[in-house]
Protein backbone atom coordinates (compact mmCIF):
# COMPACT_ATOMS: atom_id res chain seq x y z
CA MET A 1 11.66 -0.83 -27.34
CA ASN A 2 15.38 0.35 -25.71
CA TRP A 3 15.84 -3.24 -23.32
CA TRP A 4 19.44 -1.64 -22.28
CA PHE A 5 17.46 1.53 -20.80
CA ALA A 6 14.94 -1.18 -19.18
CA ILE A 7 17.73 -2.70 -17.70
CA LEU A 8 19.50 0.51 -16.41
CA SER A 9 16.02 2.21 -15.11
CA PHE A 10 15.69 -0.91 -13.01
CA ALA A 11 18.70 -1.10 -12.05
CA THR A 12 19.28 2.09 -10.67
CA VAL A 13 16.31 1.47 -8.65
CA ALA A 14 17.63 -1.58 -7.42
CA LEU A 15 21.41 0.24 -6.68
CA VAL A 16 19.80 3.27 -4.63
CA VAL A 17 17.00 1.20 -2.62
CA GLY A 18 19.66 -1.68 -1.87
CA ALA A 19 22.23 1.20 -1.10
CA LEU A 20 19.54 2.28 1.55
CA VAL A 21 18.07 -0.67 3.61
CA ARG A 22 20.59 -0.96 5.77
CA PRO A 23 21.16 2.35 6.85
CA LEU A 24 17.58 3.19 6.99
CA GLY A 25 16.87 -0.18 8.16
CA ASP A 26 19.35 0.24 11.18
CA TYR A 27 18.00 3.54 12.17
CA LEU A 28 14.36 2.15 11.93
CA ALA A 29 15.55 -0.55 14.44
CA TRP A 30 17.10 1.94 16.72
CA VAL A 31 14.00 4.67 16.62
CA TYR A 32 11.31 1.76 18.24
CA THR A 33 14.14 -0.09 20.48
CA SER A 34 15.81 3.19 21.78
CA ARG A 35 15.01 3.84 26.00
CA LYS A 36 15.75 7.82 25.56
CA ASP A 37 12.69 10.09 24.30
CA TRP A 38 12.96 13.60 22.41
CA ARG A 39 11.83 16.88 24.04
CA ILE A 40 9.27 16.60 21.33
CA GLU A 41 8.06 13.39 22.08
CA ARG A 42 8.03 14.39 25.89
CA GLY A 43 5.00 16.73 25.41
CA ALA A 44 2.84 14.63 23.11
CA TYR A 45 2.90 12.04 25.46
CA ARG A 46 1.65 14.48 28.03
CA LEU A 47 -0.85 15.39 26.04
CA LEU A 48 -2.27 12.00 25.23
CA GLY A 49 -1.77 11.12 29.08
CA VAL A 50 0.60 7.89 28.23
CA ASP A 51 3.95 6.53 30.40
CA SER A 52 5.73 5.70 27.64
CA ARG A 53 7.88 3.17 29.90
CA SER A 54 4.85 1.12 30.20
CA GLU A 55 3.85 -1.97 27.75
CA GLN A 56 0.43 -2.86 26.49
CA THR A 57 -0.19 -6.36 26.01
CA TRP A 58 -1.98 -7.17 22.72
CA GLN A 59 -5.60 -6.70 23.31
CA ALA A 60 -4.68 -2.66 24.78
CA TYR A 61 -2.42 -2.14 22.00
CA LEU A 62 -5.40 -2.71 19.23
CA ARG A 63 -7.91 -0.60 21.48
CA SER A 64 -4.97 1.62 21.21
CA VAL A 65 -5.14 1.83 17.46
CA LEU A 66 -8.82 1.48 16.44
CA LEU A 67 -9.62 4.01 19.28
CA PHE A 68 -6.93 6.34 16.77
CA SER A 69 -8.10 5.51 13.32
CA LEU A 70 -11.56 5.61 14.78
CA VAL A 71 -10.93 9.14 16.33
CA GLY A 72 -9.53 10.19 13.10
CA LEU A 73 -12.32 8.73 10.60
CA LEU A 74 -14.97 10.73 12.50
CA LEU A 75 -12.96 14.07 11.83
CA LEU A 76 -11.81 13.71 8.34
CA TYR A 77 -15.60 12.66 7.20
CA GLY A 78 -16.80 15.87 9.80
CA MET A 79 -13.85 18.13 7.51
CA GLN A 80 -15.25 17.32 3.89
CA ARG A 81 -19.14 17.52 5.33
CA LEU A 82 -18.36 21.65 6.34
CA GLN A 83 -16.31 22.09 4.22
CA PRO A 84 -17.87 25.43 2.99
CA LEU A 85 -16.82 26.82 6.41
CA LEU A 86 -13.52 26.30 6.43
CA PRO A 87 -10.45 28.39 5.29
CA GLN A 88 -9.63 27.96 1.93
CA ALA A 89 -12.58 26.09 0.46
CA LEU A 90 -11.98 27.14 -2.58
CA GLY A 91 -15.80 27.73 -3.03
CA LEU A 92 -15.72 24.35 -3.28
CA PRO A 93 -19.50 22.67 -2.07
CA ALA A 94 -18.95 19.77 0.71
CA PRO A 95 -19.22 16.37 -0.76
CA SER A 96 -22.28 13.44 -0.03
CA GLU A 97 -22.38 11.43 2.85
CA HIS A 98 -21.33 8.75 0.92
CA LEU A 99 -18.60 9.95 -0.67
CA ALA A 100 -17.17 11.57 2.25
CA PHE A 101 -17.67 8.29 4.09
CA ASN A 102 -15.89 6.66 1.36
CA THR A 103 -12.80 9.43 1.39
CA ALA A 104 -12.64 9.10 5.59
CA ALA A 105 -12.32 5.25 5.25
CA SER A 106 -10.30 5.46 2.37
CA PHE A 107 -7.20 7.39 3.54
CA VAL A 108 -7.68 6.37 7.70
CA GLY A 109 -6.79 2.59 6.04
CA ASN A 110 -3.81 3.82 4.25
CA THR A 111 -5.59 3.56 1.29
CA ASN A 112 -6.17 6.24 -0.62
CA TRP A 113 -9.12 5.31 -2.92
CA GLN A 114 -10.86 8.58 -4.58
CA SER A 115 -14.15 8.42 -6.51
CA TYR A 116 -13.58 12.54 -7.28
CA ALA A 117 -11.34 14.82 -8.71
CA PRO A 118 -9.46 16.16 -6.19
CA GLU A 119 -9.15 19.04 -7.66
CA SER A 120 -12.39 20.31 -7.88
CA THR A 121 -13.71 18.73 -4.76
CA LEU A 122 -11.34 19.40 -2.17
CA GLY A 123 -10.18 22.62 -0.97
CA TYR A 124 -6.59 23.26 0.92
CA ALA A 125 -8.26 23.18 4.44
CA VAL A 126 -9.06 19.62 3.48
CA GLN A 127 -6.39 18.68 1.34
CA MET A 128 -3.34 19.62 3.75
CA ALA A 129 -4.70 19.30 7.71
CA GLY A 130 -7.41 16.38 6.36
CA LEU A 131 -5.37 13.73 3.34
CA ALA A 132 -1.95 14.67 4.31
CA VAL A 133 -2.34 14.59 7.88
CA GLN A 134 -3.80 10.36 7.48
CA ASN A 135 -1.65 10.18 4.93
CA PHE A 136 1.07 10.26 7.57
CA THR A 137 -0.78 9.02 10.52
CA SER A 138 -2.12 5.24 8.47
CA ALA A 139 1.52 5.73 7.70
CA ALA A 140 3.03 5.39 11.17
CA VAL A 141 0.49 3.01 12.41
CA GLY A 142 0.74 0.39 9.67
CA MET A 143 4.88 0.79 10.90
CA ALA A 144 3.57 0.15 14.99
CA VAL A 145 2.04 -2.46 13.71
CA ALA A 146 4.72 -4.45 12.13
CA ILE A 147 7.26 -3.80 14.79
CA ALA A 148 4.36 -5.32 17.58
CA LEU A 149 4.55 -8.30 15.59
CA VAL A 150 8.25 -8.43 15.46
CA ARG A 151 8.08 -7.61 19.11
CA GLY A 152 6.49 -11.17 19.84
CA LEU A 153 8.61 -12.92 18.04
CA ALA A 154 11.49 -11.52 19.91
CA ALA A 155 9.92 -11.41 23.11
CA ARG A 156 10.84 -13.74 26.34
CA ARG A 157 7.45 -14.39 27.96
CA SER A 158 7.25 -10.74 28.22
CA GLY A 159 3.39 -10.46 26.93
CA THR A 160 3.74 -7.11 25.78
CA ILE A 161 4.30 -6.08 22.34
CA GLY A 162 5.26 -2.50 22.97
CA ASN A 163 3.78 0.63 23.37
CA PHE A 164 1.13 1.85 20.50
CA TRP A 165 1.47 5.94 21.16
CA VAL A 166 5.14 5.80 21.73
CA ASP A 167 5.35 3.90 18.29
CA LEU A 168 3.19 6.18 16.86
CA VAL A 169 4.51 9.19 18.17
CA ARG A 170 8.06 8.10 17.00
CA GLY A 171 7.42 7.22 13.53
CA LEU A 172 6.36 10.20 13.07
CA VAL A 173 9.04 12.75 14.49
CA ARG A 174 11.98 10.03 13.98
CA VAL A 175 10.89 8.82 10.64
CA LEU A 176 8.17 9.52 8.81
CA LEU A 177 8.11 14.17 8.57
CA PRO A 178 11.95 14.62 8.61
CA ILE A 179 11.97 11.91 5.07
CA ALA A 180 9.28 13.64 3.94
CA PHE A 181 10.41 17.12 4.64
CA VAL A 182 13.64 16.48 1.78
CA ALA A 183 11.44 14.80 -0.19
CA ALA A 184 9.07 17.74 -0.70
CA LEU A 185 12.73 20.17 -0.85
CA VAL A 186 13.85 17.10 -3.96
CA LEU A 187 10.00 17.28 -5.80
CA LEU A 188 10.13 21.03 -5.59
CA VAL A 189 13.36 21.08 -7.14
CA GLY A 190 12.11 18.46 -9.49
CA GLY A 191 9.43 20.97 -10.41
CA VAL A 192 6.37 19.69 -8.58
CA VAL A 193 4.52 22.58 -7.92
CA GLN A 194 3.47 24.40 -4.36
CA ASN A 195 1.52 27.18 -3.86
CA PHE A 196 -2.14 28.89 -2.90
CA ALA A 197 -2.56 29.82 -6.02
CA GLY A 198 -6.60 27.99 -6.41
CA PHE A 199 -7.20 28.30 -10.25
CA THR A 200 -5.46 30.43 -12.23
CA GLU A 201 -7.69 31.35 -15.42
CA VAL A 202 -5.43 31.02 -18.56
CA ARG A 203 -5.94 32.33 -22.57
CA THR A 204 -5.04 29.26 -25.14
CA LEU A 205 -3.64 29.31 -28.52
CA ALA A 206 -7.07 28.15 -29.63
CA GLY A 207 -8.44 31.35 -28.02
CA ALA A 208 -10.15 29.69 -25.95
CA THR A 209 -9.80 29.45 -21.95
CA GLN A 210 -8.78 27.63 -19.09
CA SER A 211 -8.71 26.69 -15.64
CA ILE A 212 -5.14 25.91 -14.32
CA PRO A 213 -4.95 23.99 -10.99
CA GLY A 214 -2.38 25.44 -8.51
CA GLY A 215 -1.85 24.08 -4.65
CA PRO A 216 0.18 22.11 -2.05
CA VAL A 217 1.60 19.45 -3.85
CA ALA A 218 5.05 19.04 -2.96
CA SER A 219 4.88 18.57 0.19
CA GLN A 220 1.18 16.00 -0.21
CA GLU A 221 3.35 13.83 -2.95
CA ALA A 222 6.02 13.40 -1.06
CA ILE A 223 4.14 11.56 2.03
CA LYS A 224 1.80 10.31 -0.49
CA LEU A 225 4.63 7.79 -1.87
CA LEU A 226 6.81 7.55 1.06
CA GLY A 227 3.87 6.56 3.51
CA THR A 228 2.65 3.82 0.41
CA ASN A 229 -0.36 5.49 0.77
CA GLY A 230 -0.67 6.86 -2.57
CA GLY A 231 -3.99 9.09 -3.96
CA GLY A 232 -3.27 12.05 -5.96
CA PHE A 233 -3.71 16.06 -5.40
CA PHE A 234 -5.11 15.87 -8.89
CA ASN A 235 -7.33 13.22 -10.53
CA ALA A 236 -4.34 12.13 -12.81
CA ASN A 237 -2.28 11.68 -10.15
CA SER A 238 1.13 11.00 -10.62
CA ALA A 239 0.72 11.67 -14.79
CA HIS A 240 0.19 15.09 -13.53
CA PRO A 241 3.41 17.29 -14.78
CA PHE A 242 2.45 18.83 -11.96
CA GLU A 243 2.99 16.34 -9.32
CA ASN A 244 5.34 13.95 -11.69
CA PRO A 245 7.28 15.69 -14.54
CA THR A 246 9.80 14.33 -15.19
CA GLY A 247 11.36 11.16 -16.00
CA TRP A 248 14.11 11.43 -12.59
CA THR A 249 11.41 12.09 -10.62
CA ASN A 250 9.39 9.66 -11.81
CA LEU A 251 12.75 7.14 -10.96
CA PHE A 252 12.72 8.77 -7.21
CA GLU A 253 9.28 8.83 -6.23
CA ILE A 254 9.50 5.28 -7.28
CA VAL A 255 12.67 4.83 -4.45
CA LEU A 256 10.53 6.72 -1.50
CA MET A 257 7.78 3.78 -2.08
CA LEU A 258 10.82 1.32 -1.80
CA MET A 259 12.46 2.52 0.70
CA ILE A 260 10.88 1.93 3.99
CA PRO A 261 9.36 -1.42 3.24
CA PHE A 262 12.34 -2.96 1.54
CA ALA A 263 14.69 -1.44 4.82
CA LEU A 264 12.28 -2.75 7.74
CA THR A 265 13.50 -6.27 6.40
CA ARG A 266 16.55 -5.57 8.03
CA THR A 267 14.85 -3.79 11.16
CA PHE A 268 12.99 -6.69 11.53
CA GLY A 269 16.60 -9.14 11.56
CA ARG A 270 17.88 -5.99 13.97
CA MET A 271 15.26 -6.39 16.39
CA VAL A 272 15.26 -10.11 16.59
CA GLY A 273 18.87 -11.29 16.79
CA ASP A 274 19.51 -12.40 13.41
CA THR A 275 20.07 -10.31 10.49
CA ARG A 276 20.35 -13.07 8.12
CA GLN A 277 16.04 -14.03 8.80
CA GLY A 278 15.57 -10.21 7.19
CA THR A 279 17.64 -10.53 4.84
CA ALA A 280 16.06 -14.05 3.62
CA VAL A 281 12.42 -11.83 3.58
CA LEU A 282 14.10 -9.61 1.69
CA ALA A 283 15.21 -11.57 -0.71
CA VAL A 284 11.27 -13.04 -1.50
CA MET A 285 10.49 -9.25 -1.54
CA ALA A 286 13.38 -8.58 -4.37
CA LEU A 287 12.07 -11.94 -6.40
CA LEU A 288 8.62 -11.41 -6.21
CA PHE A 289 9.27 -7.43 -7.28
CA THR A 290 11.68 -8.19 -10.03
CA ALA A 291 9.68 -10.95 -11.62
CA SER A 292 6.63 -8.82 -11.24
CA PHE A 293 7.95 -6.06 -13.55
CA THR A 294 9.67 -8.10 -15.56
CA ILE A 295 6.67 -10.09 -17.66
CA LEU A 296 4.77 -7.05 -17.02
CA LEU A 297 7.14 -4.65 -19.23
CA MET A 298 7.19 -7.97 -21.90
CA LEU A 299 3.63 -8.01 -22.08
CA GLU A 300 3.13 -4.49 -22.78
CA ALA A 301 6.31 -4.05 -25.41
CA GLY A 302 5.02 -6.83 -27.30
CA GLY A 303 1.32 -5.43 -27.35
CA GLY A 304 -0.56 -6.75 -30.09
CA GLY A 305 -1.91 -4.65 -33.36
CA PRO A 306 -0.85 -2.42 -35.75
CA ALA A 307 -0.82 0.55 -33.61
CA PRO A 308 0.96 -0.63 -30.74
CA GLN A 309 3.35 -1.73 -33.08
CA LEU A 310 3.67 1.39 -34.99
CA ALA A 311 4.51 2.74 -31.24
CA GLY A 312 7.06 0.63 -30.71
CA GLY A 313 4.34 -0.96 -27.69
CA ALA A 314 0.42 -0.25 -26.17
CA MET A 315 1.44 3.73 -25.17
CA GLU A 316 -2.40 4.02 -25.10
CA GLY A 317 -2.97 5.51 -21.59
CA LYS A 318 0.70 5.82 -20.98
CA GLU A 319 2.45 9.20 -20.30
CA GLN A 320 5.13 9.86 -23.64
CA ARG A 321 7.56 11.28 -21.22
CA PHE A 322 7.42 7.91 -19.18
CA GLY A 323 7.03 5.68 -21.92
CA ILE A 324 6.94 1.82 -21.21
CA ILE A 325 9.49 1.63 -19.42
CA GLY A 326 9.06 4.23 -16.79
CA SER A 327 4.83 3.78 -16.49
CA THR A 328 5.26 -0.39 -15.29
CA LEU A 329 7.80 0.17 -12.97
CA PHE A 330 6.01 2.89 -11.70
CA ALA A 331 3.07 0.49 -11.71
CA THR A 332 4.75 -2.55 -10.27
CA THR A 333 5.95 -0.79 -7.62
CA SER A 334 2.74 1.34 -6.46
CA THR A 335 0.80 -1.95 -6.57
CA GLY A 336 3.12 -4.16 -5.12
CA THR A 337 3.27 -1.84 -2.22
CA SER A 338 0.20 -0.31 -1.73
CA THR A 339 1.00 3.08 -2.70
CA GLY A 340 -2.17 3.55 -5.65
CA ALA A 341 -0.29 6.16 -7.25
CA VAL A 342 -0.87 5.98 -11.37
CA ASN A 343 1.07 7.21 -13.74
CA SER A 344 -0.41 5.20 -16.46
CA MET A 345 -3.92 4.34 -16.71
CA HIS A 346 -3.73 0.85 -16.05
CA ASP A 347 -7.43 0.17 -17.09
CA SER A 348 -5.72 0.77 -21.24
CA TYR A 349 -3.46 -1.80 -20.57
CA THR A 350 -3.13 -4.94 -22.43
CA ALA A 351 -5.47 -7.61 -20.82
CA LEU A 352 -3.05 -9.51 -19.23
CA GLY A 353 -0.67 -6.31 -18.50
CA GLY A 354 -3.97 -5.10 -16.14
CA MET A 355 -3.25 -8.68 -15.24
CA LEU A 356 -0.67 -7.65 -13.17
CA PRO A 357 -0.97 -5.18 -11.11
CA MET A 358 -3.61 -6.91 -10.29
CA LEU A 359 -1.88 -9.75 -8.83
CA ASN A 360 0.70 -7.92 -7.28
CA MET A 361 -2.74 -6.81 -4.89
CA MET A 362 -3.90 -10.11 -4.39
CA LEU A 363 -0.38 -11.85 -3.01
CA GLY A 364 -0.98 -9.87 -0.38
CA GLU A 365 0.97 -6.70 -1.86
CA VAL A 366 3.86 -8.66 -0.24
CA SER A 367 6.63 -7.67 -3.00
CA PRO A 368 7.06 -5.82 -1.09
CA GLY A 369 4.56 -3.85 0.53
CA GLY A 370 2.70 -1.27 1.63
CA VAL A 371 4.97 0.46 5.06
CA GLY A 372 4.74 -1.66 7.71
CA SER A 373 1.62 -3.75 6.26
CA GLY A 374 3.88 -5.79 3.74
CA LEU A 375 6.37 -6.81 6.01
CA TYR A 376 3.41 -8.12 8.88
CA GLY A 377 2.18 -9.67 5.68
CA ILE A 378 4.88 -11.54 4.98
CA LEU A 379 5.45 -13.02 7.89
CA VAL A 380 2.80 -14.01 8.62
CA LEU A 381 3.02 -15.72 5.13
CA ALA A 382 6.31 -17.54 6.47
CA ILE A 383 4.70 -18.41 9.43
CA ILE A 384 2.22 -21.04 6.88
CA ALA A 385 5.22 -22.05 4.93
CA VAL A 386 7.11 -23.08 7.88
CA PHE A 387 3.74 -24.79 8.98
CA VAL A 388 3.66 -26.62 5.68
CA ALA A 389 7.14 -27.55 5.77
CA GLY A 390 5.93 -28.73 9.41
CA LEU A 391 4.00 -31.09 8.48
CA LEU A 392 6.47 -32.57 5.69
CA ILE A 393 8.81 -33.77 8.06
CA GLY A 394 6.22 -34.56 10.53
CA ARG A 395 7.56 -32.40 13.50
CA THR A 396 5.88 -29.31 15.21
CA PRO A 397 6.62 -26.21 13.54
CA GLU A 398 9.01 -23.50 14.48
CA TYR A 399 9.78 -19.68 13.15
CA LEU A 400 12.31 -17.80 14.88
CA GLY A 401 11.95 -20.46 18.58
CA LYS A 402 8.11 -20.38 18.35
CA LYS A 403 6.34 -22.82 18.11
CA ILE A 404 3.36 -22.55 15.78
CA GLY A 405 0.05 -24.23 17.17
CA PRO A 406 -3.12 -24.22 16.56
CA ARG A 407 -3.60 -20.56 18.01
CA GLU A 408 -1.16 -19.61 15.72
CA ILE A 409 -2.15 -21.38 12.44
CA LYS A 410 -6.02 -20.26 12.84
CA LEU A 411 -4.69 -17.29 12.99
CA ALA A 412 -2.79 -16.76 10.24
CA SER A 413 -5.57 -19.31 8.20
CA LEU A 414 -7.62 -16.69 8.99
CA TYR A 415 -5.86 -13.06 7.70
CA ILE A 416 -4.61 -14.97 4.50
CA LEU A 417 -8.45 -15.69 3.98
CA ILE A 418 -9.82 -11.82 5.11
CA SER A 419 -8.64 -10.29 1.80
CA PRO A 420 -10.14 -13.21 -0.75
CA THR A 421 -13.50 -12.93 1.17
CA LEU A 422 -13.60 -8.88 1.00
CA VAL A 423 -12.68 -9.37 -2.87
CA LEU A 424 -14.86 -11.78 -4.54
CA ALA A 425 -17.97 -11.10 -1.95
CA GLY A 426 -18.25 -7.52 -3.13
CA THR A 427 -17.45 -8.01 -6.90
CA ALA A 428 -19.97 -10.85 -6.92
CA LEU A 429 -22.38 -8.77 -5.07
CA SER A 430 -22.07 -6.06 -7.18
CA PHE A 431 -22.85 -8.39 -10.11
CA ALA A 432 -26.13 -10.78 -8.04
CA ILE A 433 -28.47 -7.78 -7.05
CA PRO A 434 -30.48 -6.87 -9.10
CA GLY A 435 -30.29 -3.24 -8.17
CA VAL A 436 -26.84 -2.77 -7.57
CA ARG A 437 -26.02 -4.56 -10.77
CA ASP A 438 -28.00 -2.23 -12.83
CA SER A 439 -26.73 0.95 -10.81
CA VAL A 440 -22.94 -0.55 -11.78
CA THR A 441 -22.97 -1.98 -15.28
CA GLY A 442 -25.10 0.41 -16.46
CA THR A 443 -23.98 4.15 -15.19
CA SER A 444 -19.94 2.97 -14.27
CA ILE A 445 -18.59 0.55 -16.32
CA LEU A 446 -17.33 1.90 -18.68
CA ASN A 447 -16.38 -0.78 -21.04
CA HIS A 448 -18.79 -3.88 -20.70
CA GLY A 449 -18.26 -7.61 -20.81
CA VAL A 450 -14.94 -9.14 -19.84
CA HIS A 451 -13.29 -6.08 -19.48
CA GLY A 452 -16.25 -4.47 -17.35
CA THR A 453 -15.38 -7.32 -14.95
CA SER A 454 -11.54 -6.50 -14.69
CA GLU A 455 -12.65 -3.31 -13.70
CA VAL A 456 -15.22 -4.09 -10.86
CA LEU A 457 -12.57 -7.00 -9.89
CA TYR A 458 -9.57 -4.39 -10.14
CA ALA A 459 -11.76 -1.89 -7.20
CA PHE A 460 -12.66 -4.46 -4.86
CA THR A 461 -8.97 -6.05 -4.94
CA SER A 462 -7.90 -2.12 -4.61
CA ALA A 463 -9.86 -1.69 -2.04
CA ALA A 464 -9.78 -4.70 0.40
CA ASN A 465 -5.75 -4.66 0.39
CA ASN A 466 -5.83 -1.28 1.25
CA ASN A 467 -3.83 0.07 -2.42
CA GLY A 468 -5.69 2.47 -3.47
CA SER A 469 -5.31 2.49 -7.40
CA ALA A 470 -8.20 1.71 -9.73
CA PHE A 471 -8.98 0.99 -13.51
CA ALA A 472 -9.73 4.50 -14.93
CA GLY A 473 -12.64 2.95 -17.04
CA LEU A 474 -13.96 2.84 -13.48
CA THR A 475 -16.79 5.63 -12.46
CA ALA A 476 -16.90 4.79 -8.15
CA SER A 477 -18.71 7.81 -6.93
CA THR A 478 -21.78 6.14 -6.49
CA PRO A 479 -23.60 5.59 -3.13
CA TRP A 480 -23.21 1.18 -3.71
CA LEU A 481 -19.44 1.76 -4.93
CA ASP A 482 -18.81 4.19 -2.17
CA TRP A 483 -20.29 2.83 0.79
CA ALA A 484 -18.80 -0.84 -0.20
CA LEU A 485 -15.42 0.16 -1.66
CA GLY A 486 -15.40 1.86 1.63
CA THR A 487 -16.73 -0.88 4.04
CA ALA A 488 -13.97 -3.00 1.96
CA ILE A 489 -10.96 -0.77 2.79
CA LEU A 490 -11.87 -0.87 6.90
CA LEU A 491 -12.58 -4.29 6.94
CA GLY A 492 -9.54 -4.91 5.28
CA ARG A 493 -7.15 -2.75 6.82
CA PHE A 494 -8.09 -3.55 10.27
CA ILE A 495 -9.09 -7.16 10.99
CA PRO A 496 -5.67 -7.88 9.71
CA ILE A 497 -4.61 -6.15 12.01
CA ALA A 498 -6.71 -7.43 14.76
CA LEU A 499 -4.89 -10.87 13.97
CA VAL A 500 -1.05 -9.88 13.24
CA LEU A 501 -1.27 -8.44 16.96
CA ALA A 502 -2.76 -11.36 18.00
CA LEU A 503 -0.21 -13.20 16.84
CA ALA A 504 1.79 -10.90 17.94
CA GLY A 505 0.38 -11.73 21.55
CA SER A 506 0.32 -15.21 21.29
CA PHE A 507 4.02 -15.32 20.12
CA ALA A 508 5.13 -12.75 23.10
CA ARG A 509 3.98 -15.03 25.92
CA GLN A 510 6.36 -17.89 24.29
CA ASP A 511 9.86 -18.54 25.29
CA ARG A 512 12.38 -18.96 22.22
CA ILE A 513 12.94 -22.96 21.52
CA PRO A 514 16.69 -23.57 20.72
CA ALA A 515 17.31 -24.78 17.62
CA THR A 516 17.78 -28.42 17.07
CA ALA A 517 18.98 -30.95 13.91
CA GLY A 518 15.16 -30.59 12.66
CA THR A 519 14.76 -27.18 13.38
CA LEU A 520 13.92 -25.84 9.75
CA PRO A 521 16.68 -23.28 8.54
CA THR A 522 14.96 -20.23 7.47
CA HIS A 523 17.71 -18.12 6.37
CA ARG A 524 18.79 -20.29 3.76
CA PRO A 525 17.99 -20.30 -0.17
CA LEU A 526 15.54 -23.68 0.40
CA PHE A 527 13.20 -21.29 2.50
CA VAL A 528 13.55 -17.98 0.10
CA GLY A 529 12.26 -20.55 -2.48
CA MET A 530 9.30 -22.30 -0.49
CA LEU A 531 8.45 -18.92 0.82
CA ALA A 532 8.03 -17.59 -2.50
CA SER A 533 6.00 -20.50 -3.81
CA VAL A 534 4.03 -20.43 -1.02
CA THR A 535 3.27 -17.05 -1.66
CA VAL A 536 2.39 -17.57 -5.46
CA LEU A 537 -0.14 -20.80 -5.21
CA VAL A 538 -2.06 -19.39 -1.83
CA THR A 539 -2.74 -16.43 -4.64
CA ALA A 540 -3.28 -18.91 -8.09
CA LEU A 541 -5.70 -21.37 -5.83
CA THR A 542 -7.76 -18.45 -4.74
CA PHE A 543 -7.74 -15.82 -7.34
CA PHE A 544 -7.64 -18.27 -10.19
CA PRO A 545 -10.75 -18.91 -11.33
CA VAL A 546 -12.08 -15.06 -11.11
CA LEU A 547 -9.81 -14.11 -12.68
CA THR A 548 -10.74 -16.50 -15.51
CA LEU A 549 -14.09 -14.75 -16.08
CA GLY A 550 -12.01 -10.62 -16.70
CA PRO A 551 -8.77 -10.85 -17.50
CA LEU A 552 -7.55 -14.11 -18.37
CA ALA A 553 -10.73 -14.64 -21.14
CA GLU A 554 -10.02 -11.24 -22.72
CA GLY A 555 -6.49 -12.06 -22.90
CA LEU A 556 -6.46 -15.41 -24.43
CA ARG A 557 -9.41 -14.88 -26.40
């Protein structure tokens, strides 16, 4: 393998994303702090009956998030069940009840897990007016919650954390829509299709006929990546040449996934009045991302056996136009950002290589995490790290001038327990309940034994962490997996959001305490190393036992 090309590819992405962090982060800070509303925004507020100058408590903010998401869930479910009555249905039938629930929960929860082949299951109306719309709104919800937490940390006894409806509309109008429009045009130039051609019958060289699907792909591809949603217009996802045709479009799509999560660290620093704090968080995210990519690249390039050695690495399940470098960089990005899009089949990675995308999700997807969710996830871990440091030096822990008392540490602890509980409980139930176990192991798992365990573990890890990628060997379109994974998606999305908003409200009620000689500096390399260590240790202690039953057992035997 050409290691210089690997370094060049990584450096290109790092330079482009690094160049965007400051201007985009500053722009996002302006978006969420500006007192001036645009005309189109004022129209939206009148339609919603919202006073854009009113502030909400965390309870009111949470109610707004849940109400908005519930309406989106019901609308998307209804659109799928009524698909034959909609225009541009392409003659496709309505999905089953359990599949429609799973899909609605997935897209509303910014997960985009797909238990179906999209091009042969959903028509253009559902794809565009249902799935693509939720790609925008779910991403805007994630950013709004992150900004609410930052406001809580920056507030001085206000007791309020902003207005959800204002944050939602501004995230859509000022951020996601314009950037996605430009990104879609770039993808069109790169060869991504955008049409309403339906299915085109062609004759192959062998004399057979083949049905080639078309569709409005570029517009959906842009927001699925920019909003760290995932999913795909086609079953092959970003491995399909109509979604990701060339090497440079692959790098462009990687940049789309990384730009907002990394830029939000700058936004955080600007809004709390200390850009060094944002730089420290950025450093932790970049450190974890670089380590994950490096290890995954080495594992896939050094795959054992004669076939990988002749191919120059473990090429099974990877597109030749991307190779190992483009595939592992995309896999690290999509699982580190909660995007869930794939340009290679993670089920075909080496045993230990397949564990790395799983670990990216188990970290809480903070390297750099999803749009909004990555920032509030790593800030919760920062609170845990500060609390641990406070215990070591015998002082009341503080973060950005806010005391971390029993209430705050309980909320942070509950946050980091939600995902492991859902992952481990879902995996255990899938193998423990006789009827469920028989359906899962008999019809869903392609590869039995320890690799089959990895397939199910990966699925619940992806669902509970709102990622959406999958080990392709698992057939998830069964009633149990649709209901169980859909439930894990909703709980894994909205319980953490509730805890984060409760934290924001708790901090917003406090005044800021001036730093003293005993205050832990949270902008220096020492804290960067501490936060990275806490992130890794929490994951290792929680998931190591179950990993020994799956990828570790397979890779070390």
